[in-house]
Amino acid sequence: MEGVVIDTNVFVAAAFNPRSASARILQGIREGRFRLIWNEPTRREIEMILRRIPQLDWGRVADLFRPEGEFTGPVDPEAFAVIEDPDDRKFAALSVAARAPLVTSDKHVLAQSSAVGIEAVTPTAFLARERTVDR
């Protein structure tokens, strides 16, 4: 089972479009095909955003943050200052520290991924890669 770091925008997209690649990834986590890798800073941000948007429901995804997926090792968001949005740095740093791909729809993070040494992919690209691996 592959571990994966999921950016906040994927959770938001999944909630607004239950047929999206984002929603299929979250369903894959729920079914045990993927393992959500998270730490307290990333979980807090996702929870804060989902609680802030009235149409979204933190309770529908809180169970995805399983203890076995929690990363408790050192993470250095400051090493990713080239990423424009400071809130995105925590996800990049977790991806590198946990050696897991970052699934995001953030164009800035995707554009900077090779420069900062992370594997960042869109939800669609992640699912396409997984289909190729399954064959």
Protein backbone atom coordinates (compact mmCIF):
# COMPACT_ATOMS: atom_id res chain seq x y z
CA MET A 1 0.00 0.00 0.00
CA GLU A 2 1.52 3.28 -1.09
CA GLY A 3 1.74 6.15 1.36
CA VAL A 4 0.67 9.52 0.01
CA VAL A 5 0.58 13.09 1.32
CA ILE A 6 -2.64 14.86 0.31
CA ASP A 7 -2.85 18.65 -0.02
CA THR A 8 -5.88 20.49 1.36
CA ASN A 9 -7.12 21.37 -2.12
CA VAL A 10 -7.63 17.67 -2.89
CA PHE A 11 -9.94 17.29 0.12
CA VAL A 12 -11.90 20.36 -1.00
CA ALA A 13 -12.16 19.16 -4.60
CA ALA A 14 -13.32 15.72 -3.46
CA ALA A 15 -16.10 17.23 -1.37
CA PHE A 16 -17.38 19.40 -4.20
CA ASN A 17 -17.13 16.71 -6.88
CA PRO A 18 -17.66 13.15 -5.64
CA ARG A 19 -16.78 11.75 -9.10
CA SER A 20 -13.42 13.54 -9.33
CA ALA A 21 -9.97 12.01 -9.22
CA SER A 22 -9.60 13.68 -5.82
CA ALA A 23 -12.66 11.84 -4.51
CA ARG A 24 -11.40 8.53 -5.94
CA ILE A 25 -8.10 8.98 -4.09
CA LEU A 26 -9.87 9.61 -0.79
CA GLN A 27 -12.02 6.56 -1.47
CA GLY A 28 -8.83 4.58 -2.12
CA ILE A 29 -7.54 5.65 1.29
CA ARG A 30 -10.82 4.63 2.89
CA GLU A 31 -10.64 1.21 1.18
CA GLY A 32 -7.02 0.67 2.19
CA ARG A 33 -5.48 0.90 -1.30
CA PHE A 34 -3.46 3.97 -0.25
CA ARG A 35 -2.25 5.14 3.15
CA LEU A 36 -2.68 8.82 4.02
CA ILE A 37 0.57 10.19 5.44
CA TRP A 38 -0.07 13.14 7.74
CA ASN A 39 1.31 15.06 10.67
CA GLU A 40 -0.31 17.45 13.11
CA PRO A 41 0.37 20.63 11.07
CA THR A 42 -1.14 19.18 7.87
CA ARG A 43 -4.12 17.66 9.69
CA ARG A 44 -4.82 20.95 11.48
CA GLU A 45 -4.78 22.91 8.23
CA ILE A 46 -7.09 20.47 6.45
CA GLU A 47 -9.50 20.45 9.39
CA MET A 48 -9.47 24.26 9.65
CA ILE A 49 -10.25 24.74 5.95
CA LEU A 50 -12.97 22.07 5.85
CA ARG A 51 -14.64 23.55 8.92
CA ARG A 52 -14.44 27.06 7.45
CA ILE A 53 -16.32 26.25 4.23
CA PRO A 54 -20.01 25.73 5.05
CA GLN A 55 -20.66 23.12 2.33
CA LEU A 56 -17.80 20.91 3.55
CA ASP A 57 -17.78 18.48 6.45
CA TRP A 58 -14.63 17.61 8.42
CA GLY A 59 -16.49 14.69 9.97
CA ARG A 60 -16.70 12.93 6.60
CA VAL A 61 -12.89 12.67 6.30
CA ALA A 62 -11.62 12.75 9.89
CA ASP A 63 -11.46 8.94 9.94
CA LEU A 64 -8.88 8.97 7.13
CA PHE A 65 -6.30 10.38 9.55
CA ARG A 66 -5.42 6.99 10.99
CA PRO A 67 -2.71 6.56 13.62
CA GLU A 68 -0.64 4.29 11.37
CA GLY A 69 -0.36 7.10 8.82
CA GLU A 70 0.89 9.72 11.25
CA PHE A 71 4.45 10.84 10.53
CA THR A 72 6.20 11.89 13.71
CA GLY A 73 9.74 12.34 12.39
CA PRO A 74 11.46 15.67 11.80
CA VAL A 75 9.99 17.94 9.12
CA ASP A 76 11.54 21.23 7.95
CA PRO A 77 9.04 23.49 6.15
CA GLU A 78 11.57 26.37 6.20
CA ALA A 79 13.74 24.43 3.75
CA PHE A 80 11.00 24.98 1.15
CA ALA A 81 10.96 28.79 1.13
CA VAL A 82 10.96 28.77 -2.66
CA ILE A 83 7.35 27.60 -2.50
CA GLU A 84 5.35 30.80 -2.61
CA ASP A 85 2.58 29.97 -0.12
CA PRO A 86 3.92 29.27 3.39
CA ASP A 87 0.90 27.02 4.04
CA ASP A 88 2.02 24.73 1.19
CA ARG A 89 5.54 24.32 2.58
CA LYS A 90 4.38 21.99 5.37
CA PHE A 91 2.99 19.56 2.78
CA ALA A 92 6.18 19.65 0.70
CA ALA A 93 8.33 19.13 3.78
CA LEU A 94 6.20 16.20 4.92
CA SER A 95 6.39 14.65 1.45
CA VAL A 96 10.18 14.75 1.48
CA ALA A 97 10.56 13.62 5.09
CA ALA A 98 8.14 10.70 4.66
CA ARG A 99 9.41 9.85 1.17
CA ALA A 100 5.87 9.89 -0.16
CA PRO A 101 4.40 11.67 -3.18
CA LEU A 102 2.42 14.84 -2.65
CA VAL A 103 -0.93 14.89 -4.42
CA THR A 104 -1.98 18.46 -5.13
CA SER A 105 -3.80 20.60 -7.65
CA ASP A 106 -1.78 23.68 -6.69
CA LYS A 107 -0.10 24.90 -9.89
CA HIS A 108 2.66 26.72 -7.99
CA VAL A 109 3.62 23.64 -5.99
CA LEU A 110 3.52 21.46 -9.10
CA ALA A 111 5.70 23.96 -11.00
CA GLN A 112 8.26 24.12 -8.17
CA SER A 113 8.31 20.41 -7.35
CA SER A 114 11.46 19.47 -9.25
CA ALA A 115 13.28 22.58 -8.02
CA VAL A 116 12.65 21.65 -4.38
CA GLY A 117 13.09 17.91 -4.79
CA ILE A 118 9.58 16.65 -4.16
CA GLU A 119 7.41 14.30 -6.15
CA ALA A 120 4.25 16.34 -6.62
CA VAL A 121 1.50 15.06 -8.89
CA THR A 122 -2.05 15.99 -9.71
CA PRO A 123 -4.83 13.68 -8.52
CA THR A 124 -5.40 12.49 -12.10
CA ALA A 125 -1.69 11.77 -12.64
CA PHE A 126 -1.50 9.90 -9.33
CA LEU A 127 -4.39 7.64 -10.30
CA ALA A 128 -2.97 7.07 -13.77
CA ARG A 129 0.36 6.07 -12.24
CA GLU A 130 -1.38 3.69 -9.84
CA ARG A 131 -3.26 2.02 -12.71
CA THR A 132 0.07 1.49 -14.48
CA VAL A 133 1.63 -0.03 -11.34
CA ASP A 134 -1.35 -2.36 -10.83
CA ARG A 135 -0.90 -3.96 -14.26
